[in-house]
N, C-alpha and C. Protein backbone atom coordinates (compact mmCIF):
# COMPACT_ATOMS: atom_id res chain seq x y z
N MET A 1 24.02 1.90 -1.91
CA MET A 1 22.41 1.42 -0.96
C MET A 1 21.20 3.26 -1.19
N ALA A 2 21.99 4.55 -1.84
CA ALA A 2 21.56 5.26 -2.32
C ALA A 2 20.52 4.97 -3.74
N GLU A 3 21.76 4.18 -4.99
CA GLU A 3 20.81 3.66 -5.71
C GLU A 3 19.53 2.17 -5.54
N ARG A 4 20.16 1.72 -4.96
CA ARG A 4 18.38 0.90 -4.52
C ARG A 4 17.15 1.64 -4.05
N GLN A 5 17.25 2.84 -2.80
CA GLN A 5 16.29 3.33 -2.65
C GLN A 5 15.51 4.01 -3.33
N GLU A 6 16.80 4.67 -4.28
CA GLU A 6 15.78 5.25 -5.64
C GLU A 6 14.70 4.06 -6.67
N VAL A 7 15.25 2.63 -6.56
CA VAL A 7 14.62 2.07 -7.54
C VAL A 7 13.41 1.71 -6.13
N ILE A 8 13.57 1.11 -5.00
CA ILE A 8 12.70 0.72 -4.57
C ILE A 8 11.35 2.27 -4.48
N ALA A 9 11.74 3.23 -3.62
CA ALA A 9 10.74 4.08 -3.50
C ALA A 9 9.44 4.25 -4.11
N PRO A 10 9.89 4.64 -6.20
CA PRO A 10 9.01 4.20 -5.97
C PRO A 10 8.02 3.35 -6.06
N LEU A 11 8.99 2.18 -7.02
CA LEU A 11 7.51 1.20 -6.65
C LEU A 11 6.95 0.66 -5.59
N VAL A 12 6.73 1.19 -3.73
CA VAL A 12 6.62 0.87 -2.99
C VAL A 12 5.71 2.30 -3.00
N ALA A 13 5.21 3.08 -3.23
CA ALA A 13 4.94 4.16 -4.18
C ALA A 13 3.69 3.67 -4.97
N ALA A 14 4.48 2.72 -5.81
CA ALA A 14 2.94 2.73 -6.76
C ALA A 14 1.88 1.58 -6.48
N LEU A 15 2.50 0.76 -5.57
CA LEU A 15 2.33 -0.66 -4.06
C LEU A 15 1.62 -0.46 -3.92
N ARG A 16 1.74 0.64 -2.91
CA ARG A 16 0.48 1.41 -1.82
C ARG A 16 -0.32 1.63 -2.25
N ASP A 17 -0.58 2.45 -3.44
CA ASP A 17 -1.69 2.98 -4.11
C ASP A 17 -2.41 2.05 -4.68
N LEU A 18 -2.16 1.18 -5.90
CA LEU A 18 -2.55 -0.40 -6.21
C LEU A 18 -3.58 -0.49 -5.23
N ALA A 19 -3.24 -1.08 -4.15
CA ALA A 19 -3.73 -2.25 -2.72
C ALA A 19 -4.93 -0.62 -2.40
N THR A 20 -4.48 0.07 -1.97
CA THR A 20 -5.81 1.19 -1.39
C THR A 20 -6.64 0.55 -2.60
N TRP A 21 -6.31 1.02 -3.57
CA TRP A 21 -7.71 0.95 -5.64
C TRP A 21 -8.18 -0.30 -4.75
N LEU A 22 -7.31 -1.72 -4.74
CA LEU A 22 -8.22 -2.23 -5.21
C LEU A 22 -8.76 -3.06 -3.13
N TYR A 23 -8.86 -2.64 -2.74
CA TYR A 23 -9.21 -2.42 -1.39
C TYR A 23 -10.42 -1.66 -1.01
N ASP A 24 -9.90 -0.32 -1.33
CA ASP A 24 -11.54 0.84 -1.33
C ASP A 24 -12.76 -0.10 -2.26
N THR A 25 -12.51 -0.20 -3.92
CA THR A 25 -12.98 -0.59 -4.44
C THR A 25 -13.44 -1.79 -4.28
N GLN A 26 -13.68 -2.16 -3.40
CA GLN A 26 -13.23 -4.79 -3.38
C GLN A 26 -13.48 -4.81 -4.39
N VAL A 27 -11.93 -5.16 -5.14
CA VAL A 27 -12.17 -5.77 -6.13
C VAL A 27 -11.08 -6.84 -5.88
N PRO A 28 -11.40 -8.04 -5.68
CA PRO A 28 -10.55 -9.37 -5.32
C PRO A 28 -9.67 -9.53 -6.80
N GLY A 29 -7.76 -8.99 -6.13
CA GLY A 29 -7.12 -9.46 -6.18
C GLY A 29 -5.97 -9.53 -6.09
N ILE A 30 -4.64 -10.22 -6.47
CA ILE A 30 -3.48 -9.98 -5.91
C ILE A 30 -2.30 -9.48 -6.10
N ILE A 31 -1.23 -9.53 -5.83
CA ILE A 31 0.41 -8.58 -5.91
C ILE A 31 1.06 -10.25 -6.27
N ILE A 32 1.59 -10.09 -8.70
CA ILE A 32 2.42 -11.13 -8.39
C ILE A 32 3.13 -10.81 -9.48
N GLY A 33 4.39 -12.07 -10.82
CA GLY A 33 5.52 -11.34 -10.48
C GLY A 33 6.18 -11.05 -9.58
N GLY A 34 7.24 -10.19 -10.66
CA GLY A 34 7.95 -9.83 -9.02
C GLY A 34 7.92 -10.20 -8.47
N VAL A 35 8.00 -9.39 -8.49
CA VAL A 35 7.39 -8.91 -6.62
C VAL A 35 6.88 -9.14 -5.36
N ALA A 36 6.07 -10.16 -5.94
CA ALA A 36 6.03 -11.25 -5.48
C ALA A 36 6.31 -12.40 -5.22
N ALA A 37 7.10 -12.96 -6.43
CA ALA A 37 8.37 -13.49 -6.56
C ALA A 37 9.46 -12.98 -5.75
N SER A 38 9.74 -11.38 -5.28
CA SER A 38 10.62 -10.85 -4.61
C SER A 38 10.25 -11.31 -3.30
N LEU A 39 9.07 -11.01 -2.83
CA LEU A 39 8.59 -10.74 -1.92
C LEU A 39 8.35 -11.86 -0.74
N LEU A 40 8.01 -13.02 -1.99
CA LEU A 40 7.98 -15.05 -0.65
C LEU A 40 8.69 -15.32 -1.28
N GLY A 41 9.95 -14.90 -2.30
CA GLY A 41 11.15 -16.26 -2.24
C GLY A 41 12.58 -15.34 -1.49
N ARG A 42 13.86 -14.35 -2.80
CA ARG A 42 14.42 -14.21 -2.68
C ARG A 42 14.58 -12.97 -3.10
N PRO A 43 14.52 -12.02 -2.66
CA PRO A 43 14.18 -10.68 -2.76
C PRO A 43 15.60 -10.18 -4.76
N ARG A 44 14.73 -9.39 -5.83
CA ARG A 44 15.73 -9.34 -6.66
C ARG A 44 14.78 -7.80 -6.89
N VAL A 45 16.10 -7.69 -8.44
CA VAL A 45 14.95 -6.14 -8.94
C VAL A 45 13.96 -6.19 -10.43
N THR A 46 12.80 -5.53 -9.14
CA THR A 46 11.95 -5.65 -10.58
C THR A 46 11.61 -3.66 -10.72
N ARG A 47 11.29 -4.34 -12.13
CA ARG A 47 11.15 -2.36 -12.38
C ARG A 47 9.36 -2.15 -12.81
N ASP A 48 8.82 -3.12 -12.24
CA ASP A 48 7.30 -2.59 -12.33
C ASP A 48 6.45 -3.94 -11.91
N VAL A 49 4.74 -3.79 -12.04
CA VAL A 49 4.10 -3.93 -10.90
C VAL A 49 3.57 -5.13 -11.40
N ASP A 50 2.73 -6.03 -11.49
CA ASP A 50 1.65 -7.69 -11.34
C ASP A 50 0.84 -7.34 -11.29
N ALA A 51 -0.67 -7.55 -11.65
CA ALA A 51 -1.66 -7.61 -10.80
C ALA A 51 -2.76 -8.20 -11.19
N LEU A 52 -3.79 -9.42 -10.76
CA LEU A 52 -4.50 -10.75 -11.23
C LEU A 52 -5.58 -10.10 -10.44
N VAL A 53 -6.95 -9.87 -11.27
CA VAL A 53 -7.52 -9.03 -10.85
C VAL A 53 -9.25 -10.02 -11.05
N ILE A 54 -10.34 -9.47 -10.48
CA ILE A 54 -11.77 -10.98 -10.77
C ILE A 54 -12.82 -9.77 -11.52
N VAL A 55 -13.44 -9.22 -11.85
CA VAL A 55 -13.49 -8.13 -12.51
C VAL A 55 -15.00 -9.04 -13.71
N ASP A 56 -15.79 -8.67 -13.65
CA ASP A 56 -16.31 -8.76 -14.59
C ASP A 56 -16.14 -7.80 -15.44
N GLU A 57 -16.70 -8.48 -16.97
CA GLU A 57 -16.28 -7.74 -18.54
C GLU A 57 -16.44 -6.31 -18.33
N LYS A 58 -17.66 -6.34 -18.31
CA LYS A 58 -19.09 -5.12 -17.72
C LYS A 58 -18.74 -4.21 -17.10
N GLU A 59 -17.91 -4.28 -16.15
CA GLU A 59 -17.57 -3.83 -15.10
C GLU A 59 -16.33 -2.79 -15.26
N TRP A 60 -15.39 -3.66 -16.70
CA TRP A 60 -14.01 -2.78 -17.15
C TRP A 60 -13.36 -1.01 -17.00
N GLU A 61 -14.79 -1.06 -17.74
CA GLU A 61 -14.15 1.07 -18.09
C GLU A 61 -14.70 1.40 -16.52
N LEU A 62 -15.51 0.73 -15.34
CA LEU A 62 -15.57 1.36 -14.81
C LEU A 62 -14.63 1.45 -13.51
N PHE A 63 -14.02 0.15 -13.49
CA PHE A 63 -12.75 -0.20 -13.21
C PHE A 63 -11.27 0.68 -13.63
N LEU A 64 -11.27 1.60 -14.88
CA LEU A 64 -10.73 2.03 -15.51
C LEU A 64 -10.58 2.81 -14.72
N VAL A 65 -11.85 3.96 -14.70
CA VAL A 65 -12.17 5.37 -14.58
C VAL A 65 -11.42 5.22 -13.54
N ASN A 66 -12.22 4.44 -12.62
CA ASN A 66 -11.41 4.03 -10.87
C ASN A 66 -10.84 4.31 -10.83
N GLY A 67 -9.34 3.63 -10.93
CA GLY A 67 -8.14 3.68 -11.20
C GLY A 67 -7.74 4.90 -11.46
N GLN A 68 -7.86 5.82 -12.14
CA GLN A 68 -7.39 7.10 -11.77
C GLN A 68 -7.02 7.96 -10.97
N THR A 69 -8.69 7.21 -9.95
CA THR A 69 -8.40 8.19 -8.97
C THR A 69 -7.79 8.01 -7.73
N TYR A 70 -6.70 7.01 -8.48
CA TYR A 70 -5.86 7.24 -7.63
C TYR A 70 -3.98 6.57 -8.02
N GLY A 71 -4.67 7.22 -9.37
CA GLY A 71 -2.71 7.11 -9.85
C GLY A 71 -2.91 6.85 -11.17
N PHE A 72 -3.25 6.03 -11.25
CA PHE A 72 -3.57 4.55 -12.34
C PHE A 72 -3.59 5.46 -14.17
N VAL A 73 -3.28 6.01 -14.76
CA VAL A 73 -3.22 6.54 -15.69
C VAL A 73 -2.78 5.10 -17.17
N PRO A 74 -3.48 4.94 -18.05
CA PRO A 74 -3.51 4.08 -19.71
C PRO A 74 -1.93 4.92 -20.17
N ARG A 75 -1.59 3.43 -19.92
CA ARG A 75 -0.06 4.19 -21.51
C ARG A 75 -0.44 3.67 -22.87
N LEU A 76 -1.71 2.70 -23.63
CA LEU A 76 -2.17 2.68 -24.09
C LEU A 76 -3.20 4.04 -24.64
N SER A 77 -3.35 4.28 -26.34
CA SER A 77 -5.13 4.94 -26.40
C SER A 77 -5.85 4.65 -26.68
N GLU A 78 -6.03 3.12 -26.62
CA GLU A 78 -7.46 2.53 -26.64
C GLU A 78 -6.99 1.30 -25.75
N PRO A 79 -6.92 1.36 -24.33
CA PRO A 79 -6.69 0.69 -23.40
C PRO A 79 -6.95 -0.91 -23.39
N LEU A 80 -8.99 -0.47 -22.96
CA LEU A 80 -10.29 -1.10 -23.23
C LEU A 80 -9.99 -2.53 -23.92
N LYS A 81 -9.85 -1.64 -25.94
CA LYS A 81 -9.77 -3.15 -27.20
C LYS A 81 -8.39 -3.45 -27.03
N PHE A 82 -7.26 -3.42 -25.89
CA PHE A 82 -6.25 -3.83 -25.95
C PHE A 82 -7.03 -4.80 -24.66
N ALA A 83 -7.48 -4.90 -23.43
CA ALA A 83 -7.30 -5.36 -22.99
C ALA A 83 -8.40 -6.36 -23.48
N HIS A 84 -9.81 -6.56 -24.60
CA HIS A 84 -10.34 -7.04 -24.17
C HIS A 84 -9.59 -8.09 -25.59
N GLN A 85 -8.21 -7.00 -25.88
CA GLN A 85 -7.48 -9.56 -25.99
C GLN A 85 -7.29 -9.19 -25.59
N ALA A 86 -6.14 -9.09 -25.13
CA ALA A 86 -4.99 -9.43 -23.78
C ALA A 86 -6.02 -9.79 -22.48
N ARG A 87 -7.31 -9.50 -22.33
CA ARG A 87 -7.36 -9.38 -20.58
C ARG A 87 -5.75 -9.09 -20.21
N VAL A 88 -5.35 -8.18 -20.49
CA VAL A 88 -4.60 -7.43 -19.68
C VAL A 88 -4.66 -5.98 -19.86
N LEU A 89 -4.42 -5.11 -18.92
CA LEU A 89 -4.90 -3.95 -18.37
C LEU A 89 -4.19 -2.43 -18.69
N LEU A 90 -2.92 -2.02 -19.31
CA LEU A 90 -1.38 -1.90 -19.41
C LEU A 90 -2.00 -0.02 -18.85
N LEU A 91 -1.66 -0.38 -18.44
CA LEU A 91 -1.66 1.05 -16.34
C LEU A 91 -0.19 1.29 -16.29
N ARG A 92 0.14 2.99 -15.78
CA ARG A 92 1.07 4.12 -16.03
C ARG A 92 0.96 4.39 -14.27
N HIS A 93 1.80 3.85 -13.02
CA HIS A 93 1.01 4.59 -12.12
C HIS A 93 1.58 6.50 -12.31
N GLU A 94 1.00 7.00 -12.11
CA GLU A 94 2.11 8.91 -12.63
C GLU A 94 2.72 9.20 -11.62
N THR A 95 2.47 9.44 -9.93
CA THR A 95 3.47 9.66 -9.39
C THR A 95 4.79 9.03 -8.95
N SER A 96 4.92 7.55 -9.68
CA SER A 96 5.93 6.69 -9.58
C SER A 96 6.80 6.61 -10.74
N GLY A 97 5.77 6.79 -11.64
CA GLY A 97 6.78 6.52 -13.30
C GLY A 97 5.75 4.32 -13.97
N ILE A 98 5.65 3.82 -12.48
CA ILE A 98 6.37 3.00 -12.57
C ILE A 98 4.92 2.43 -13.48
N ASP A 99 5.32 0.98 -14.29
CA ASP A 99 3.95 0.33 -14.79
C ASP A 99 3.37 -0.85 -14.11
N ILE A 100 2.51 -1.20 -14.41
CA ILE A 100 1.38 -1.90 -13.96
C ILE A 100 0.57 -2.88 -14.83
N ASP A 101 0.91 -4.11 -15.02
CA ASP A 101 -0.26 -4.07 -16.18
C ASP A 101 -0.97 -5.37 -14.89
N ILE A 102 -1.97 -4.99 -15.66
CA ILE A 102 -3.08 -5.76 -13.96
C ILE A 102 -4.30 -6.84 -15.15
N ALA A 103 -3.72 -8.58 -14.62
CA ALA A 103 -4.62 -9.29 -15.61
C ALA A 103 -5.74 -9.60 -15.54
N PHE A 104 -6.72 -9.79 -15.80
CA PHE A 104 -8.24 -10.65 -15.56
C PHE A 104 -8.58 -11.41 -15.94
N GLY A 105 -8.07 -12.03 -14.92
CA GLY A 105 -8.43 -13.24 -14.74
C GLY A 105 -10.17 -14.00 -15.11
N ALA A 106 -10.29 -15.26 -15.29
CA ALA A 106 -11.70 -15.70 -15.28
C ALA A 106 -11.38 -17.11 -15.39
N LEU A 107 -10.02 -17.92 -15.57
CA LEU A 107 -9.96 -19.58 -15.04
C LEU A 107 -10.55 -19.84 -13.01
N PRO A 108 -10.61 -20.68 -13.34
CA PRO A 108 -10.72 -21.13 -12.06
C PRO A 108 -10.55 -21.54 -10.86
N PHE A 109 -8.70 -21.61 -11.65
CA PHE A 109 -7.17 -21.41 -10.87
C PHE A 109 -7.36 -20.45 -10.42
N GLU A 110 -7.13 -19.27 -11.28
CA GLU A 110 -7.34 -17.17 -11.05
C GLU A 110 -7.66 -17.61 -9.73
N ALA A 111 -9.06 -17.42 -9.69
CA ALA A 111 -10.28 -17.57 -9.23
C ALA A 111 -10.08 -17.74 -7.57
N GLU A 112 -9.42 -19.33 -7.19
CA GLU A 112 -8.93 -19.69 -5.94
C GLU A 112 -7.44 -19.36 -5.97
N SER A 113 -7.12 -18.90 -6.45
CA SER A 113 -5.39 -18.26 -6.15
C SER A 113 -5.56 -16.64 -5.52
N ILE A 114 -7.01 -16.29 -5.68
CA ILE A 114 -6.79 -14.64 -5.13
C ILE A 114 -8.01 -14.86 -4.12
N SER A 115 -8.94 -15.93 -3.83
CA SER A 115 -9.27 -16.24 -2.87
C SER A 115 -8.32 -17.15 -1.29
N ARG A 116 -7.09 -18.14 -2.33
CA ARG A 116 -6.10 -18.76 -1.35
C ARG A 116 -5.55 -17.16 -0.14
N ALA A 117 -5.84 -15.85 -0.74
CA ALA A 117 -4.83 -14.74 -1.10
C ALA A 117 -4.46 -14.54 0.76
N THR A 118 -3.11 -13.75 1.48
CA THR A 118 -3.18 -13.19 2.42
C THR A 118 -2.77 -11.87 2.13
N TRP A 119 -3.19 -10.94 2.97
CA TRP A 119 -2.47 -9.45 3.25
C TRP A 119 -1.07 -9.30 4.26
N ARG A 120 -0.02 -9.51 3.81
CA ARG A 120 0.84 -9.14 4.80
C ARG A 120 1.19 -7.36 4.11
N THR A 121 2.36 -7.60 5.56
CA THR A 121 2.95 -4.97 5.35
C THR A 121 4.20 -6.23 5.23
N ILE A 122 4.22 -4.99 4.34
CA ILE A 122 6.02 -5.28 4.16
C ILE A 122 6.06 -3.59 3.99
N GLY A 123 7.17 -3.09 5.10
CA GLY A 123 7.56 -2.00 4.71
C GLY A 123 6.68 -1.30 4.89
N GLY A 124 5.96 -1.15 5.55
CA GLY A 124 4.37 -0.58 6.39
C GLY A 124 3.22 -0.07 4.99
N VAL A 125 3.38 -1.09 4.30
CA VAL A 125 3.08 -1.40 2.88
C VAL A 125 2.11 -2.64 3.37
N SER A 126 0.48 -2.76 2.98
CA SER A 126 -0.12 -3.31 3.11
C SER A 126 -0.87 -4.10 1.75
N LEU A 127 -0.30 -5.69 0.90
CA LEU A 127 -0.54 -6.22 0.26
C LEU A 127 -0.70 -7.74 -0.25
N PRO A 128 -1.86 -7.51 -1.05
CA PRO A 128 -2.93 -9.29 -1.20
C PRO A 128 -1.33 -9.70 -2.08
N LEU A 129 -0.99 -10.60 -1.38
CA LEU A 129 0.12 -12.03 -2.10
C LEU A 129 -0.63 -13.18 -2.05
N PRO A 130 0.13 -13.95 -3.53
CA PRO A 130 -0.56 -14.97 -3.26
C PRO A 130 0.22 -16.39 -2.51
N ALA A 131 -0.29 -17.69 -2.04
CA ALA A 131 -0.03 -18.78 -1.69
C ALA A 131 1.02 -18.84 -2.66
N VAL A 132 2.46 -19.68 -1.26
CA VAL A 132 3.27 -19.96 -1.86
C VAL A 132 2.98 -20.28 -3.68
N GLU A 133 2.25 -21.79 -3.12
CA GLU A 133 2.29 -22.73 -3.49
C GLU A 133 1.67 -22.04 -5.65
N ASP A 134 0.25 -20.94 -5.41
CA ASP A 134 -0.26 -20.02 -6.43
C ASP A 134 0.65 -19.79 -7.11
N LEU A 135 1.97 -18.88 -6.86
CA LEU A 135 2.81 -18.32 -6.86
C LEU A 135 3.96 -18.54 -7.86
N ILE A 136 4.28 -20.38 -7.48
CA ILE A 136 5.01 -21.16 -8.30
C ILE A 136 4.05 -22.12 -9.31
N ILE A 137 2.96 -22.21 -9.47
CA ILE A 137 1.82 -22.55 -10.50
C ILE A 137 2.13 -22.08 -11.92
N MET A 138 2.16 -20.95 -11.74
CA MET A 138 1.92 -19.44 -11.87
C MET A 138 3.02 -19.48 -13.50
N LYS A 139 4.13 -18.95 -12.30
CA LYS A 139 5.17 -19.43 -12.82
C LYS A 139 6.04 -20.18 -13.65
N ALA A 140 5.19 -21.08 -13.51
CA ALA A 140 5.82 -22.87 -13.74
C ALA A 140 5.24 -22.84 -15.96
N ILE A 141 3.56 -22.12 -15.90
CA ILE A 141 3.06 -22.50 -16.73
C ILE A 141 3.39 -21.59 -18.00
N ALA A 142 4.17 -19.72 -17.08
CA ALA A 142 4.88 -18.69 -18.35
C ALA A 142 5.30 -19.05 -18.21
N HIS A 143 7.03 -19.59 -17.57
CA HIS A 143 8.42 -20.84 -18.16
C HIS A 143 9.10 -20.16 -18.76
N ARG A 144 8.87 -18.89 -18.01
CA ARG A 144 10.29 -18.29 -18.74
C ARG A 144 11.10 -18.13 -18.19
N PRO A 145 12.17 -17.91 -19.07
CA PRO A 145 14.59 -18.55 -17.88
C PRO A 145 13.83 -17.41 -16.45
N ARG A 146 13.19 -16.55 -16.51
CA ARG A 146 13.44 -15.85 -15.38
C ARG A 146 13.09 -15.99 -13.92
N ASP A 147 11.02 -17.07 -14.53
CA ASP A 147 10.39 -17.05 -13.80
C ASP A 147 10.51 -18.15 -13.31
N ILE A 148 11.27 -19.48 -13.94
CA ILE A 148 12.64 -20.95 -13.77
C ILE A 148 13.36 -20.25 -12.40
N VAL A 149 13.98 -19.19 -13.25
CA VAL A 149 14.90 -17.94 -12.25
C VAL A 149 13.98 -18.71 -10.16
N ASP A 150 12.74 -17.62 -9.87
CA ASP A 150 12.69 -17.25 -9.84
C ASP A 150 11.67 -19.32 -8.90
N ILE A 151 10.67 -20.13 -9.83
CA ILE A 151 10.45 -20.87 -8.88
C ILE A 151 11.74 -21.70 -8.11
N GLU A 152 12.65 -21.41 -8.37
CA GLU A 152 14.19 -22.08 -7.62
C GLU A 152 13.88 -21.45 -5.95
N SER A 153 14.43 -20.11 -6.28
CA SER A 153 13.97 -19.10 -4.82
C SER A 153 12.83 -19.73 -4.19
N LEU A 154 11.95 -20.18 -4.91
CA LEU A 154 10.91 -20.44 -3.61
C LEU A 154 11.09 -21.84 -3.81
N LEU A 155 10.83 -22.50 -3.86
CA LEU A 155 11.35 -23.84 -2.72
C LEU A 155 12.97 -24.12 -2.87
N ASP A 156 13.76 -22.64 -2.86
CA ASP A 156 14.74 -22.89 -1.54
C ASP A 156 14.10 -22.33 -0.67
N THR A 157 13.90 -21.13 -0.74
CA THR A 157 12.57 -20.56 0.99
C THR A 157 11.87 -20.94 1.43
N HIS A 158 10.75 -22.06 0.65
CA HIS A 158 9.37 -22.34 1.29
C HIS A 158 10.62 -24.50 0.84
N PRO A 159 10.59 -24.96 2.02
CA PRO A 159 10.94 -26.50 1.68
C PRO A 159 9.57 -26.92 1.81
N ARG A 160 9.44 -26.04 2.42
CA ARG A 160 7.68 -27.67 2.66
C ARG A 160 5.70 -27.16 2.04
N LEU A 161 6.47 -27.17 1.18
CA LEU A 161 4.95 -27.29 0.01
C LEU A 161 4.08 -27.82 0.18
N ASP A 162 2.67 -27.63 -0.50
CA ASP A 162 2.21 -28.20 -0.87
C ASP A 162 2.34 -28.89 -2.30
N LEU A 163 3.50 -29.63 -2.80
CA LEU A 163 3.28 -29.98 -3.87
C LEU A 163 2.39 -30.61 -4.51
N ARG A 164 1.25 -31.43 -3.96
CA ARG A 164 0.43 -31.89 -5.13
C ARG A 164 0.04 -31.37 -5.36
N ARG A 165 -0.83 -30.24 -4.70
CA ARG A 165 -1.70 -28.86 -5.52
C ARG A 165 -1.12 -28.74 -6.77
N VAL A 166 0.64 -28.18 -6.50
CA VAL A 166 1.22 -27.68 -7.44
C VAL A 166 1.25 -28.99 -9.01
N ARG A 167 1.76 -30.04 -8.49
CA ARG A 167 1.62 -30.96 -9.50
C ARG A 167 0.61 -31.30 -10.08
N ARG A 168 -0.73 -30.98 -9.44
CA ARG A 168 -2.03 -30.94 -10.13
C ARG A 168 -2.40 -30.03 -11.15
N TRP A 169 -2.48 -28.37 -10.47
CA TRP A 169 -2.17 -27.74 -11.25
C TRP A 169 -1.74 -27.22 -13.01
N VAL A 170 -0.47 -27.97 -12.79
CA VAL A 170 1.14 -27.17 -13.89
C VAL A 170 0.24 -28.27 -14.86
N GLY A 171 -0.42 -29.75 -14.03
CA GLY A 171 -0.42 -30.93 -15.05
C GLY A 171 -1.15 -30.23 -15.25
N GLU A 172 -2.23 -30.11 -15.59
CA GLU A 172 -3.21 -29.60 -15.66
C GLU A 172 -3.41 -28.09 -17.01
N PHE A 173 -2.91 -27.17 -16.66
CA PHE A 173 -2.39 -26.76 -17.76
C PHE A 173 -1.59 -27.45 -19.12
N ALA A 174 -0.59 -27.92 -18.31
CA ALA A 174 0.60 -28.59 -19.60
C ALA A 174 -0.64 -29.81 -20.02
N THR A 175 -1.82 -30.52 -20.24
CA THR A 175 -2.88 -31.21 -20.60
C THR A 175 -3.18 -30.26 -21.46
N ALA A 176 -3.28 -29.02 -21.13
CA ALA A 176 -4.26 -28.19 -21.96
C ALA A 176 -3.98 -27.23 -22.74
N LEU A 177 -2.68 -27.14 -22.73
CA LEU A 177 -1.37 -25.98 -23.12
C LEU A 177 -0.96 -26.73 -24.59
N ASP A 178 -1.21 -28.36 -24.01
CA ASP A 178 -0.62 -29.65 -25.25
C ASP A 178 0.77 -29.05 -24.49
N ALA A 179 1.75 -28.87 -23.73
CA ALA A 179 2.88 -28.62 -23.08
C ALA A 179 3.40 -29.58 -22.41
N PRO A 180 3.56 -30.67 -22.55
CA PRO A 180 3.23 -31.44 -21.13
C PRO A 180 5.45 -30.94 -20.80
N GLU A 181 5.88 -30.36 -21.27
CA GLU A 181 7.16 -30.28 -20.54
C GLU A 181 6.79 -29.09 -19.66
N LEU A 182 6.00 -28.06 -19.56
CA LEU A 182 5.55 -27.18 -17.99
C LEU A 182 5.75 -28.49 -16.66
N LEU A 183 5.02 -29.46 -16.74
CA LEU A 183 4.78 -30.73 -15.45
C LEU A 183 6.58 -31.24 -15.63
N GLN A 184 6.91 -31.20 -16.63
CA GLN A 184 8.27 -32.34 -16.51
C GLN A 184 9.56 -31.43 -16.51
N ASP A 185 9.50 -30.33 -16.37
CA ASP A 185 9.96 -29.34 -15.72
C ASP A 185 10.43 -28.94 -15.12
N PHE A 186 8.93 -28.77 -13.91
CA PHE A 186 8.68 -28.49 -12.55
C PHE A 186 9.51 -29.97 -11.87
N ASN A 187 9.10 -31.06 -12.65
CA ASN A 187 9.70 -32.34 -11.24
C ASN A 187 11.28 -32.14 -11.31
N THR A 188 11.94 -31.96 -12.00
CA THR A 188 12.72 -32.11 -12.52
C THR A 188 13.54 -30.86 -11.36
N LEU A 189 13.07 -29.74 -11.82
CA LEU A 189 13.38 -28.44 -10.56
C LEU A 189 13.13 -28.58 -8.63
N VAL A 190 11.72 -29.80 -8.73
CA VAL A 190 11.89 -30.60 -7.50
C VAL A 190 12.61 -31.19 -7.29
N THR A 191 13.08 -32.20 -7.86
CA THR A 191 14.33 -33.65 -7.52
C THR A 191 15.47 -33.11 -7.84
N GLN A 192 15.87 -31.53 -8.35
CA GLN A 192 17.48 -30.77 -8.37
C GLN A 192 17.66 -30.13 -6.99
N ARG A 193 16.52 -29.24 -6.68
CA ARG A 193 16.78 -29.09 -5.41
C ARG A 193 16.73 -29.44 -4.03
N ARG A 194 15.67 -31.31 -3.72
CA ARG A 194 15.66 -31.93 -3.36
C ARG A 194 16.69 -32.54 -3.01
N LYS A 195 18.42 -32.72 -4.16
CA LYS A 195 19.81 -32.81 -4.51
C LYS A 195 20.68 -31.90 -3.17
N LYS A 196 20.29 -31.16 -3.24
CA LYS A 196 21.43 -29.50 -3.20
C LYS A 196 21.21 -29.49 -1.96
N ARG A 197 19.38 -30.21 -1.27
CA ARG A 197 19.51 -30.27 -0.33
C ARG A 197 20.02 -31.30 1.07
N LYS A 198 20.38 -31.81 0.56
CA LYS A 198 21.32 -32.99 0.98
C LYS A 198 21.63 -33.40 1.33
N PRO A 199 22.78 -33.98 2.81
CA PRO A 199 23.89 -34.12 3.70
C PRO A 199 24.75 -34.68 2.33
N SER A 200 26.05 -33.67 1.97
CA SER A 200 27.13 -34.73 1.44
C SER A 200 28.04 -35.73 1.63
């Protein structure tokens, strides 16, 4: 229990300051990645934080400066140069030592996901979280082994989902990326989950 607390306490501190930063500066954003998967699905250990925000590219430097007020410092010597290449700002929460990856959204799906977010209070901390369907879409696109496990967890935890929305967006990304396996693998997961739930 003590070891678990040692992992959770720094994460909670980083999440609290990140949520405060976004709220105070009125930056549209959501917590994604392993933290969101753990809170919306089955709990799992994660030691970093991922977020998605909508910030005009001209405002990235100001966004970075504001973040330092809340204890978030760059992990690279030229963070904005990397951000312009990868659309990701690599930061660290000084107090907790937790790494924070903030993705700058630009796609219609990303903006829509943020507009559909809800603030949920977890452990005394209010966090902007994506709709379960939107998190599944992100995980299906990322398509790493860890993401597949998270999708299974989310499907098990939320049996009543808008699968039409998930399939539509995953299908669009599969076409755009010429990666039909994205939708094929998601459909396979859904079929497997349904078989698992059927009484024998």
